[in-house]
Amino acid sequence: MYTYLSRRSMLSGLLASAGTTALLSNSAFAQKTDTPPSTSFSHDWLKQEMESRAARPHQSPTLLDGFFQDLSYDAYRNIRSSNERARWSDTNLAFQIHPFHPGWLYKEPVVIHQVENGESRAMNFTTEDFEYMNELEGTVPENAVLPGIAGLRINAPLNRADLFDELIVFLGASYFRALGRGNSYGLSARGIAINTWLEGPEEFPRFSEFWLERPVEGQSNLVVYAALEGPSLTGAYRFNIEPGADTTVEVEATLFFREGVEQLGLAPLTSMFYYSEHSERRFNDYRPQVHDSDALKIVRNDGDTLYRPLNNPPRVSSSYFVEEELASFGLVQRDRRYEDYQDAGARYHDRPSVLIETLDDWGPGTIRLVEIPAELEIEDNIALFWVPETQPEAGETRTYHYIMHWGDLNPDPDSALSWVAQTGAGHGGPSGVPIVNKNARKFVVDFEGGILAGSPEDAVFEPVVTLSAGDIDHVTFFKVPEEETDVSLWRLVIDVDGGDEPVIEISAHIAGYGRKLTEIWMYQWLRNIPEKTADAAPATEQN
């Protein structure tokens, strides 16, 4: 069973757990009841219900007590859902529903409903739906109704027609994560982000209820509705989930604001970047790279593609990308070979990329990227979301519509546009000799595919390089001898003298034949200069 935890939460749980806590009385469990009554349900009803809730003061959920309150990390690991008891497992439907047990970090009950023919009926879960192993075996009452669950996992025949694999998980606040074919879990998404990494506290609304529209035989998609509740807002969500090589999740979010919000973050993603070939902060580790995502990708309506490698910076960095012609944005994992990471357990080469395809008109806004220093691999230190230009006020209603693409999302080999295959960095000047200028740094960008791939080595192209500060010492662009690589690569080398500037934004692409021939490579050189401190400068169009 997959259990979603934020990396910081898991670490806290590991450190806090000193053994299994004794189980308390069985009063935390209810007696088995008859089939619950049904009520009418529709998407319109959910929106009306959440608008009504937004008109009332926010009420914090009642925390579970007793057995659920006192479950330690070790005890929680000894509980797993029963495959035989999964909802719809006794049918020919293409989906199966597995609950997550409440307790440990998940003390706020979540209610699950099944919708069929416009009628909703609560899915009650009992102790029979779970296996209690090791020291928990025989310590809970049989067939007792749980007061709610922590979340749910949806399985489908994603990789093999005869095997139901994990497809998507909803667990913890408004967090969820999905898989494309052949993927293993990596970055996460959230329903919404409120005041992320601002001066005041961040707000974490939660999905308190889910409604699952029972599919019919042969149906390849699953529709899930969710109620979002938080101090500042409520929300009615609709998820249309279609598994595949690239799993798509179409999201419609209607938000009702009780209060004004300082900064609203739409389609937020959360990931981990520890280090890579270009990192200045390196760790004593045998693996060449460690990350769930290695770059921010932005695609414009005119076909321009921006590729911005992520960093594990020496201090918190916040970058804003102003995009008026936005088609999609997201976090990608581009290196897809085992040799790129050499981690047979974590399988970072299988982690999914996620691109957010905007639908309808979101209006003016910016993409915000937050990079946080991480000292441990278990820390999620990357956040990405879209920020509208005008922030919502109390009493306002907003609807946003987008499609999430989860999967490898590799570059199109038939595209005319060459893509960034790798970013490397090191001290400036000649390699292998004593450092002459400590303020200089060399950036090496390899481009693969596109028109460049078929061009001879004597073809003439123009590197277009810009800096927000500092000076360009040297730029070279050449074709890597094909006998040295298994693919056709062109290499751009940029030497930059940063002087005493704490933040330098770099942008580069290759031009030729009157057009851009490559993705627009962008980089933020955030320097650890103690006598100067500054937040990262807003990143805007730099090409």
Protein backbone atom coordinates (compact mmCIF):
# COMPACT_ATOMS: atom_id res chain seq x y z
CA MET A 1 0.00 0.00 0.00
CA TYR A 2 1.29 3.42 -0.92
CA THR A 3 1.09 6.01 1.85
CA TYR A 4 1.51 9.66 0.93
CA LEU A 5 3.39 11.80 3.43
CA SER A 6 5.18 15.04 2.94
CA ARG A 7 8.86 14.41 3.40
CA ARG A 8 9.05 16.71 6.40
CA SER A 9 6.04 14.96 7.97
CA MET A 10 7.55 11.54 7.45
CA LEU A 11 10.83 12.61 9.04
CA SER A 12 8.96 14.03 12.02
CA GLY A 13 7.06 10.79 12.35
CA LEU A 14 10.22 8.72 12.25
CA LEU A 15 11.90 10.82 14.91
CA ALA A 16 8.82 11.00 17.14
CA SER A 17 7.97 7.32 16.99
CA ALA A 18 9.38 5.43 19.94
CA GLY A 19 7.36 2.28 19.51
CA THR A 20 3.76 1.23 19.17
CA THR A 21 1.31 2.94 21.45
CA ALA A 22 -1.16 0.85 23.37
CA LEU A 23 -4.62 0.78 21.91
CA LEU A 24 -7.30 2.55 23.88
CA SER A 25 -10.89 1.54 24.28
CA ASN A 26 -13.06 0.50 21.38
CA SER A 27 -15.26 3.57 21.84
CA ALA A 28 -13.61 5.14 18.80
CA PHE A 29 -15.45 2.65 16.62
CA ALA A 30 -19.15 2.60 15.81
CA GLN A 31 -21.29 -0.46 15.53
CA LYS A 32 -22.09 -1.91 12.11
CA THR A 33 -25.10 -0.13 10.62
CA ASP A 34 -27.50 -0.85 7.78
CA THR A 35 -26.99 0.47 4.27
CA PRO A 36 -26.97 4.30 4.47
CA PRO A 37 -29.78 6.23 2.77
CA SER A 38 -29.27 7.88 -0.61
CA THR A 39 -29.64 11.55 -1.53
CA SER A 40 -29.70 13.41 -4.83
CA PHE A 41 -26.34 14.59 -6.18
CA SER A 42 -25.10 16.66 -9.11
CA HIS A 43 -22.20 18.97 -9.87
CA ASP A 44 -24.54 21.94 -9.62
CA TRP A 45 -25.74 20.74 -6.21
CA LEU A 46 -22.13 20.52 -4.99
CA LYS A 47 -21.41 24.07 -6.12
CA GLN A 48 -24.53 25.35 -4.38
CA GLU A 49 -23.60 23.44 -1.23
CA MET A 50 -20.08 24.85 -1.13
CA GLU A 51 -21.36 28.37 -1.77
CA SER A 52 -23.72 27.92 1.17
CA ARG A 53 -20.89 26.71 3.41
CA ALA A 54 -18.76 29.70 2.41
CA ALA A 55 -21.51 31.99 3.72
CA ARG A 56 -21.10 30.49 7.20
CA PRO A 57 -18.09 30.78 9.53
CA HIS A 58 -15.44 28.13 9.03
CA GLN A 59 -15.59 25.24 11.47
CA SER A 60 -12.44 23.23 12.04
CA PRO A 61 -13.01 19.48 11.64
CA THR A 62 -13.41 17.40 14.77
CA LEU A 63 -10.23 15.43 15.32
CA LEU A 64 -10.48 11.70 15.82
CA ASP A 65 -9.52 10.53 19.28
CA GLY A 66 -8.70 7.37 21.14
CA PHE A 67 -7.15 4.71 18.94
CA PHE A 68 -6.71 7.06 15.98
CA GLN A 69 -5.17 9.91 17.98
CA ASP A 70 -2.56 7.66 19.56
CA LEU A 71 -1.38 5.63 16.57
CA SER A 72 2.37 6.02 16.19
CA TYR A 73 4.26 5.95 12.92
CA ASP A 74 5.34 2.35 13.52
CA ALA A 75 1.81 1.24 14.36
CA TYR A 76 0.36 3.01 11.32
CA ARG A 77 2.76 1.13 9.07
CA ASN A 78 1.19 -2.12 10.30
CA ILE A 79 -2.20 -1.24 8.80
CA ARG A 80 -2.98 -1.76 5.14
CA SER A 81 -6.15 -1.91 3.10
CA SER A 82 -7.46 -5.31 2.11
CA ASN A 83 -7.24 -5.98 -1.63
CA GLU A 84 -10.13 -8.41 -1.40
CA ARG A 85 -12.35 -5.74 0.16
CA ALA A 86 -11.57 -2.96 -2.33
CA ARG A 87 -14.74 -1.31 -3.61
CA TRP A 88 -15.75 -2.49 -7.11
CA SER A 89 -13.20 -5.34 -6.95
CA ASP A 90 -16.07 -7.82 -7.40
CA THR A 91 -17.15 -6.19 -10.69
CA ASN A 92 -15.81 -5.87 -14.23
CA LEU A 93 -15.28 -2.14 -13.81
CA ALA A 94 -11.92 -0.61 -14.77
CA PHE A 95 -11.33 0.96 -11.33
CA GLN A 96 -11.01 -0.21 -7.72
CA ILE A 97 -11.23 1.98 -4.62
CA HIS A 98 -8.94 1.45 -1.61
CA PRO A 99 -9.33 3.49 1.61
CA PHE A 100 -6.52 4.84 3.77
CA HIS A 101 -6.92 4.14 7.48
CA PRO A 102 -7.37 7.18 9.75
CA GLY A 103 -4.80 7.85 12.46
CA TRP A 104 -1.22 8.99 13.05
CA LEU A 105 -0.92 12.22 10.98
CA TYR A 106 -4.40 11.78 9.50
CA LYS A 107 -6.77 12.59 12.35
CA GLU A 108 -9.41 14.50 10.34
CA PRO A 109 -12.08 12.15 8.95
CA VAL A 110 -12.83 12.16 5.22
CA VAL A 111 -16.19 10.93 3.94
CA ILE A 112 -16.52 9.02 0.66
CA HIS A 113 -19.74 8.72 -1.36
CA GLN A 114 -20.70 6.67 -4.40
CA VAL A 115 -22.88 8.35 -7.02
CA GLU A 116 -25.07 6.26 -9.32
CA ASN A 117 -27.93 7.50 -11.49
CA GLY A 118 -27.85 10.88 -9.76
CA GLU A 119 -28.14 9.36 -6.28
CA SER A 120 -25.39 9.58 -3.67
CA ARG A 121 -24.81 7.06 -0.91
CA ALA A 122 -22.01 7.15 1.68
CA MET A 123 -19.38 4.42 1.47
CA ASN A 124 -18.98 3.12 5.00
CA PHE A 125 -15.69 1.44 5.83
CA THR A 126 -15.13 -0.99 8.68
CA THR A 127 -12.21 -2.73 10.32
CA GLU A 128 -12.87 -5.59 7.89
CA ASP A 129 -11.58 -3.35 5.08
CA PHE A 130 -8.09 -3.35 6.61
CA GLU A 131 -5.43 -5.78 7.72
CA TYR A 132 -3.92 -5.14 11.15
CA MET A 133 -0.53 -6.79 11.29
CA ASN A 134 2.12 -7.70 13.87
CA GLU A 135 1.41 -6.12 17.26
CA LEU A 136 -1.93 -4.74 16.03
CA GLU A 137 -3.28 -8.15 15.07
CA GLY A 138 -6.37 -9.01 17.13
CA THR A 139 -6.47 -5.66 18.93
CA VAL A 140 -9.38 -3.98 17.11
CA PRO A 141 -13.05 -4.98 17.15
CA GLU A 142 -14.28 -6.99 14.19
CA ASN A 143 -16.45 -5.37 11.54
CA ALA A 144 -16.67 -2.06 13.40
CA VAL A 145 -17.55 1.02 11.36
CA LEU A 146 -14.78 3.62 11.12
CA PRO A 147 -15.75 7.26 11.78
CA GLY A 148 -14.31 8.21 8.39
CA ILE A 149 -11.14 7.44 6.47
CA ALA A 150 -7.94 9.39 5.79
CA GLY A 151 -8.15 9.37 2.00
CA LEU A 152 -8.41 7.03 -0.95
CA ARG A 153 -6.35 5.27 -3.56
CA ILE A 154 -7.75 4.45 -6.99
CA ASN A 155 -6.31 1.45 -8.85
CA ALA A 156 -6.69 0.62 -12.54
CA PRO A 157 -5.07 -1.73 -15.11
CA LEU A 158 -2.52 0.97 -15.96
CA ASN A 159 0.48 -1.16 -16.97
CA ARG A 160 -1.11 -4.57 -17.60
CA ALA A 161 -4.61 -5.54 -18.56
CA ASP A 162 -4.68 -8.26 -15.89
CA LEU A 163 -3.33 -6.23 -12.97
CA PHE A 164 -4.82 -3.29 -11.08
CA ASP A 165 -1.98 -0.85 -10.40
CA GLU A 166 -2.08 2.31 -8.34
CA LEU A 167 -3.28 5.21 -10.46
CA ILE A 168 -4.03 8.19 -8.21
CA VAL A 169 -4.04 8.94 -4.48
CA PHE A 170 -5.89 11.63 -2.52
CA LEU A 171 -4.40 11.89 0.97
CA GLY A 172 -3.59 14.73 3.35
CA ALA A 173 -5.14 18.25 3.16
CA SER A 174 -5.77 18.79 -0.58
CA TYR A 175 -2.77 16.74 -1.78
CA PHE A 176 -3.01 14.20 -4.57
CA ARG A 177 -0.64 12.49 -6.98
CA ALA A 178 -1.05 10.35 -10.07
CA LEU A 179 0.95 8.06 -12.32
CA GLY A 180 1.39 7.54 -16.02
CA ARG A 181 2.28 4.15 -17.44
CA GLY A 182 5.60 2.89 -16.09
CA ASN A 183 5.92 5.65 -13.49
CA SER A 184 6.66 5.49 -9.78
CA TYR A 185 5.38 8.12 -7.34
CA GLY A 186 7.25 11.42 -7.25
CA LEU A 187 5.93 14.98 -7.17
CA SER A 188 2.51 15.91 -5.74
CA ALA A 189 -0.30 18.29 -6.63
CA ARG A 190 -2.70 20.23 -4.41
CA GLY A 191 -6.19 21.52 -4.90
CA ILE A 192 -5.11 25.07 -4.04
CA ALA A 193 -2.26 27.04 -2.44
CA ILE A 194 -2.96 29.94 -0.08
CA ASN A 195 -0.22 32.39 0.97
CA THR A 196 2.66 30.01 0.24
CA TRP A 197 6.01 31.19 1.61
CA LEU A 198 4.88 34.71 2.39
CA GLU A 199 5.51 36.50 5.68
CA GLY A 200 2.37 35.17 7.37
CA PRO A 201 1.29 31.56 7.91
CA GLU A 202 0.32 29.41 4.93
CA GLU A 203 -3.23 28.08 4.86
CA PHE A 204 -3.88 24.43 3.98
CA PRO A 205 -7.51 23.82 2.95
CA ARG A 206 -8.57 20.17 2.88
CA PHE A 207 -10.71 17.87 0.80
CA SER A 208 -13.31 16.85 3.38
CA GLU A 209 -15.63 14.78 1.16
CA PHE A 210 -15.42 12.89 -2.11
CA TRP A 211 -18.14 11.69 -4.47
CA LEU A 212 -17.16 8.92 -6.90
CA GLU A 213 -19.32 8.56 -9.98
CA ARG A 214 -19.67 4.82 -10.47
CA PRO A 215 -18.59 4.02 -14.05
CA VAL A 216 -20.26 1.51 -16.33
CA GLU A 217 -18.55 -1.52 -17.83
CA GLY A 218 -16.12 -0.53 -20.57
CA GLN A 219 -15.81 3.08 -19.35
CA SER A 220 -12.15 4.16 -19.37
CA ASN A 221 -12.45 7.34 -17.28
CA LEU A 222 -13.49 8.00 -13.70
CA VAL A 223 -15.17 11.19 -12.46
CA VAL A 224 -14.49 12.25 -8.86
CA TYR A 225 -16.00 15.26 -7.10
CA ALA A 226 -14.54 16.83 -3.97
CA ALA A 227 -15.51 19.41 -1.35
CA LEU A 228 -12.69 21.76 -0.37
CA GLU A 229 -12.89 23.56 2.97
CA GLY A 230 -10.60 26.08 4.63
CA PRO A 231 -10.72 29.25 6.74
CA SER A 232 -10.61 31.58 3.72
CA LEU A 233 -12.62 29.65 1.15
CA THR A 234 -14.60 26.62 0.09
CA GLY A 235 -14.46 24.87 -3.26
CA ALA A 236 -16.35 22.47 -5.49
CA TYR A 237 -13.96 20.30 -7.53
CA ARG A 238 -14.54 17.93 -10.41
CA PHE A 239 -11.75 15.55 -11.51
CA ASN A 240 -12.06 13.59 -14.76
CA ILE A 241 -9.33 10.93 -14.56
CA GLU A 242 -8.21 9.08 -17.71
CA PRO A 243 -5.37 6.56 -17.20
CA GLY A 244 -2.80 5.99 -19.93
CA ALA A 245 0.84 6.34 -20.95
CA ASP A 246 0.20 9.96 -20.01
CA THR A 247 -2.59 9.97 -17.44
CA THR A 248 -4.77 13.06 -17.69
CA VAL A 249 -6.70 14.66 -14.85
CA GLU A 250 -9.11 17.34 -16.03
CA VAL A 251 -9.86 19.68 -13.14
CA GLU A 252 -12.70 22.17 -12.76
CA ALA A 253 -12.43 24.16 -9.53
CA THR A 254 -15.12 26.60 -8.44
CA LEU A 255 -13.93 28.62 -5.43
CA PHE A 256 -16.05 30.62 -2.97
CA PHE A 257 -14.14 33.09 -0.80
CA ARG A 258 -15.11 33.81 2.79
CA GLU A 259 -12.19 36.20 3.11
CA GLY A 260 -9.76 38.00 0.87
CA VAL A 261 -6.53 36.13 0.12
CA GLU A 262 -3.10 37.73 -0.03
CA GLN A 263 -1.87 35.30 -2.69
CA LEU A 264 -3.84 32.57 -4.45
CA GLY A 265 -1.86 29.73 -6.02
CA LEU A 266 -3.63 27.76 -8.76
CA ALA A 267 -2.77 24.23 -9.94
CA PRO A 268 0.03 23.98 -7.35
CA LEU A 269 2.76 21.35 -7.61
CA THR A 270 5.17 20.24 -4.88
CA SER A 271 8.41 18.39 -5.59
CA MET A 272 11.95 17.63 -4.43
CA PHE A 273 15.24 18.74 -5.94
CA TYR A 274 18.36 17.75 -3.99
CA TYR A 275 21.22 18.09 -6.47
CA SER A 276 22.19 17.58 -10.12
CA GLU A 277 25.13 18.10 -12.49
CA HIS A 278 24.84 21.88 -12.28
CA SER A 279 24.41 22.18 -8.50
CA GLU A 280 26.82 24.23 -6.44
CA ARG A 281 25.50 22.64 -3.24
CA ARG A 282 26.73 19.05 -3.48
CA PHE A 283 26.44 16.28 -0.94
CA ASN A 284 28.65 13.33 -0.08
CA ASP A 285 26.64 10.86 -2.14
CA TYR A 286 27.58 8.22 -4.71
CA ARG A 287 24.63 9.05 -6.96
CA PRO A 288 25.17 11.59 -9.78
CA GLN A 289 21.69 13.14 -9.33
CA VAL A 290 18.87 13.06 -6.78
CA HIS A 291 15.54 14.73 -7.59
CA ASP A 292 11.86 14.08 -8.29
CA SER A 293 11.85 16.92 -10.85
CA ASP A 294 14.75 18.65 -12.54
CA ALA A 295 13.23 21.65 -14.32
CA LEU A 296 10.37 24.07 -14.75
CA LYS A 297 8.90 23.97 -18.24
CA ILE A 298 6.71 26.70 -19.77
CA VAL A 299 5.10 26.43 -23.21
CA ARG A 300 3.70 29.52 -24.92
CA ASN A 301 0.88 29.63 -27.45
CA ASP A 302 3.35 30.66 -30.16
CA GLY A 303 5.38 27.49 -29.63
CA ASP A 304 8.23 29.00 -27.61
CA THR A 305 9.32 26.66 -24.81
CA LEU A 306 11.16 27.82 -21.68
CA TYR A 307 13.26 25.34 -19.72
CA ARG A 308 14.52 26.42 -16.30
CA PRO A 309 16.64 23.90 -14.31
CA LEU A 310 15.76 23.73 -10.62
CA ASN A 311 18.13 24.50 -7.77
CA ASN A 312 18.68 23.61 -4.13
CA PRO A 313 19.66 27.17 -3.20
CA PRO A 314 21.62 28.51 -0.21
CA ARG A 315 18.56 30.56 0.79
CA VAL A 316 14.87 30.66 -0.12
CA SER A 317 14.39 31.83 -3.68
CA SER A 318 11.13 33.00 -5.24
CA SER A 319 10.92 33.65 -8.98
CA TYR A 320 7.99 35.07 -10.96
CA PHE A 321 7.52 34.40 -14.68
CA VAL A 322 5.17 36.80 -16.45
CA GLU A 323 3.50 34.88 -19.29
CA GLU A 324 0.70 36.53 -21.26
CA GLU A 325 0.46 33.76 -23.90
CA LEU A 326 0.62 30.74 -21.61
CA ALA A 327 -0.31 27.33 -23.04
CA SER A 328 1.05 25.06 -20.32
CA PHE A 329 3.51 24.93 -17.44
CA GLY A 330 4.79 22.35 -14.99
CA LEU A 331 7.67 20.39 -13.51
CA VAL A 332 9.49 17.80 -15.61
CA GLN A 333 11.89 14.94 -15.04
CA ARG A 334 13.89 14.84 -18.26
CA ASP A 335 16.69 12.35 -17.56
CA ARG A 336 15.13 8.91 -18.09
CA ARG A 337 18.03 6.44 -17.79
CA TYR A 338 18.91 4.45 -14.70
CA GLU A 339 22.53 5.56 -15.19
CA ASP A 340 21.48 9.19 -14.67
CA TYR A 341 20.68 8.46 -11.00
CA GLN A 342 22.02 4.94 -10.22
CA ASP A 343 19.33 4.44 -7.58
CA ALA A 344 17.63 1.06 -7.99
CA GLY A 345 15.38 1.65 -4.97
CA ALA A 346 14.07 5.18 -5.50
CA ARG A 347 13.97 4.80 -9.32
CA TYR A 348 14.16 8.53 -9.91
CA HIS A 349 14.32 7.87 -13.67
CA ASP A 350 10.68 6.67 -13.46
CA ARG A 351 9.28 9.72 -11.65
CA PRO A 352 6.47 11.43 -13.58
CA SER A 353 6.55 14.87 -15.12
CA VAL A 354 3.43 17.03 -14.79
CA LEU A 355 2.29 19.73 -17.20
CA ILE A 356 -0.72 21.97 -16.54
CA GLU A 357 -2.65 22.80 -19.71
CA THR A 358 -4.73 25.91 -19.11
CA LEU A 359 -8.32 25.90 -20.39
CA ASP A 360 -10.60 28.90 -20.77
CA ASP A 361 -9.15 32.32 -19.99
CA TRP A 362 -7.37 32.58 -16.64
CA GLY A 363 -6.72 36.27 -17.18
CA PRO A 364 -3.38 37.98 -16.52
CA GLY A 365 -1.06 36.46 -13.96
CA THR A 366 2.36 34.99 -13.26
CA ILE A 367 3.94 31.61 -12.64
CA ARG A 368 5.65 31.51 -9.26
CA LEU A 369 8.50 29.10 -8.51
CA VAL A 370 9.68 28.70 -4.92
CA GLU A 371 12.98 26.91 -4.21
CA ILE A 372 13.84 26.14 -0.58
CA PRO A 373 17.19 24.96 0.84
CA ALA A 374 17.06 21.22 1.56
CA GLU A 375 19.63 19.44 3.68
CA LEU A 376 18.00 16.03 3.34
CA GLU A 377 16.64 14.06 0.42
CA ILE A 378 13.31 13.54 2.22
CA GLU A 379 12.41 17.24 2.08
CA ASP A 380 9.97 18.61 -0.48
CA ASN A 381 11.63 21.92 -1.32
CA ILE A 382 10.05 22.97 -4.63
CA ALA A 383 6.67 24.66 -5.09
CA LEU A 384 5.14 25.86 -8.36
CA PHE A 385 1.78 27.51 -9.06
CA TRP A 386 0.03 30.21 -11.08
CA VAL A 387 -0.85 33.50 -9.36
CA PRO A 388 -3.66 35.69 -10.76
CA GLU A 389 -2.87 39.37 -11.15
CA THR A 390 -5.81 40.40 -8.97
CA GLN A 391 -6.33 38.57 -5.71
CA PRO A 392 -9.82 37.40 -4.65
CA GLU A 393 -11.90 39.36 -2.17
CA ALA A 394 -14.46 38.18 0.39
CA GLY A 395 -17.71 37.08 -1.24
CA GLU A 396 -16.11 36.51 -4.65
CA THR A 397 -16.56 33.35 -6.75
CA ARG A 398 -14.00 32.14 -9.28
CA THR A 399 -13.85 29.10 -11.56
CA TYR A 400 -10.70 27.67 -13.09
CA HIS A 401 -10.44 24.84 -15.60
CA TYR A 402 -7.28 22.94 -16.57
CA ILE A 403 -5.91 19.54 -17.59
CA MET A 404 -3.01 17.91 -15.78
CA HIS A 405 -0.78 15.57 -17.80
CA TRP A 406 1.08 12.98 -15.68
CA GLY A 407 3.72 10.78 -17.32
CA ASP A 408 7.19 10.71 -18.85
CA LEU A 409 6.21 13.61 -21.15
CA ASN A 410 9.43 13.22 -23.10
CA PRO A 411 10.27 15.72 -25.87
CA ASP A 412 8.76 15.00 -29.26
CA PRO A 413 11.50 13.39 -31.40
CA ASP A 414 9.81 14.75 -34.54
CA SER A 415 9.81 18.35 -33.30
CA ALA A 416 11.86 20.92 -35.21
CA LEU A 417 12.77 22.49 -31.86
CA SER A 418 15.87 21.14 -30.13
CA TRP A 419 15.49 20.52 -26.40
CA VAL A 420 17.79 20.89 -23.41
CA ALA A 421 19.29 17.46 -22.79
CA GLN A 422 21.55 18.43 -19.89
CA THR A 423 22.80 21.41 -17.90
CA GLY A 424 26.23 21.33 -16.30
CA ALA A 425 28.13 23.94 -14.34
CA GLY A 426 31.47 24.51 -12.67
CA HIS A 427 34.06 27.17 -11.97
CA GLY A 428 34.75 29.60 -14.79
CA GLY A 429 37.78 29.64 -17.03
CA PRO A 430 39.82 26.65 -18.25
CA SER A 431 39.01 23.34 -16.62
CA GLY A 432 41.58 21.42 -14.61
CA VAL A 433 43.71 24.43 -13.65
CA PRO A 434 43.80 26.63 -10.53
CA ILE A 435 40.83 29.02 -10.24
CA VAL A 436 41.84 32.50 -11.34
CA ASN A 437 38.53 34.33 -10.83
CA LYS A 438 36.35 33.10 -7.95
CA ASN A 439 33.44 35.17 -9.29
CA ALA A 440 33.38 33.33 -12.62
CA ARG A 441 31.22 30.31 -13.41
CA LYS A 442 30.89 28.14 -16.48
CA PHE A 443 27.52 26.89 -17.72
CA VAL A 444 27.33 24.04 -20.23
CA VAL A 445 24.03 23.35 -22.02
CA ASP A 446 23.59 20.37 -24.36
CA PHE A 447 20.83 20.49 -26.97
CA GLU A 448 19.37 17.37 -28.57
CA GLY A 449 16.97 16.71 -31.46
CA GLY A 450 15.27 19.15 -33.79
CA ILE A 451 16.84 20.87 -36.78
CA LEU A 452 20.20 21.04 -35.02
CA ALA A 453 20.47 17.25 -34.86
CA GLY A 454 20.64 16.92 -38.63
CA SER A 455 22.91 19.91 -39.21
CA PRO A 456 26.59 19.47 -40.15
CA GLU A 457 29.26 20.58 -37.70
CA ASP A 458 30.28 23.50 -39.93
CA ALA A 459 26.76 24.98 -39.94
CA VAL A 460 26.64 28.53 -38.59
CA PHE A 461 24.20 29.32 -35.80
CA GLU A 462 23.85 32.25 -33.42
CA PRO A 463 23.86 31.77 -29.63
CA VAL A 464 21.62 34.43 -28.08
CA VAL A 465 22.66 34.96 -24.45
CA THR A 466 21.41 37.61 -22.01
CA LEU A 467 22.24 38.34 -18.36
CA SER A 468 20.37 40.35 -15.75
CA ALA A 469 23.71 41.33 -14.18
CA GLY A 470 27.40 40.48 -14.45
CA ASP A 471 29.39 40.07 -17.64
CA ILE A 472 29.71 37.41 -20.32
CA ASP A 473 33.38 36.37 -20.54
CA HIS A 474 33.09 33.84 -23.32
CA VAL A 475 30.51 31.94 -25.41
CA THR A 476 31.12 28.94 -27.66
CA PHE A 477 28.72 26.69 -29.54
CA PHE A 478 29.74 23.50 -31.33
CA LYS A 479 28.60 20.04 -32.33
CA VAL A 480 29.80 17.27 -30.04
CA PRO A 481 31.61 14.63 -32.13
CA GLU A 482 29.04 11.93 -32.79
CA GLU A 483 31.52 9.15 -32.06
CA GLU A 484 31.56 10.43 -28.46
CA THR A 485 27.80 10.11 -27.89
CA ASP A 486 24.93 7.83 -28.85
CA VAL A 487 22.83 10.85 -29.95
CA SER A 488 23.51 14.03 -31.88
CA LEU A 489 24.29 16.84 -29.42
CA TRP A 490 25.22 20.49 -29.80
CA ARG A 491 26.92 22.15 -26.83
CA LEU A 492 26.63 25.76 -25.66
CA VAL A 493 29.31 26.94 -23.22
CA ILE A 494 28.86 30.25 -21.37
CA ASP A 495 31.45 31.78 -19.02
CA VAL A 496 29.95 34.43 -16.74
CA ASP A 497 31.76 36.84 -14.41
CA GLY A 498 29.26 37.54 -11.64
CA GLY A 499 31.28 40.20 -9.85
CA ASP A 500 29.63 40.87 -6.48
CA GLU A 501 26.05 40.37 -7.72
CA PRO A 502 24.01 38.05 -5.44
CA VAL A 503 21.48 37.02 -8.12
CA ILE A 504 22.04 36.64 -11.86
CA GLU A 505 19.33 35.53 -14.29
CA ILE A 506 20.68 33.94 -17.48
CA SER A 507 18.76 33.20 -20.67
CA ALA A 508 20.01 31.53 -23.83
CA HIS A 509 18.78 29.97 -27.04
CA ILE A 510 20.17 29.18 -30.47
CA ALA A 511 18.94 31.06 -33.53
CA GLY A 512 19.28 30.25 -37.22
CA TYR A 513 17.36 30.36 -40.47
CA GLY A 514 15.44 33.36 -39.11
CA ARG A 515 13.93 31.48 -36.14
CA LYS A 516 14.55 30.03 -32.70
CA LEU A 517 15.95 26.53 -33.09
CA THR A 518 15.97 25.48 -29.43
CA GLU A 519 14.12 25.71 -26.19
CA ILE A 520 14.89 28.89 -24.26
CA TRP A 521 17.26 27.80 -21.50
CA MET A 522 16.93 29.90 -18.35
CA TYR A 523 18.97 29.73 -15.17
CA GLN A 524 19.07 31.53 -11.85
CA TRP A 525 22.57 31.78 -10.42
CA LEU A 526 21.80 32.46 -6.77
CA ARG A 527 25.16 33.13 -5.17
CA ASN A 528 26.06 32.62 -1.55
CA ILE A 529 27.60 36.03 -0.88
CA PRO A 530 27.25 36.69 2.87
CA GLU A 531 27.85 40.45 2.74
CA LYS A 532 24.92 40.88 0.33
CA THR A 533 21.46 39.44 0.75
CA ALA A 534 18.56 39.77 -1.63
CA ASP A 535 15.47 37.87 -2.64
CA ALA A 536 15.58 36.43 -6.11
CA ALA A 537 14.75 39.02 -8.70
CA PRO A 538 11.48 38.44 -10.55
CA ALA A 539 12.12 36.33 -13.62
CA THR A 540 10.45 37.71 -16.73
CA GLU A 541 10.79 37.13 -20.45
CA GLN A 542 14.52 37.19 -21.19
CA ASN A 543 14.89 36.23 -24.80
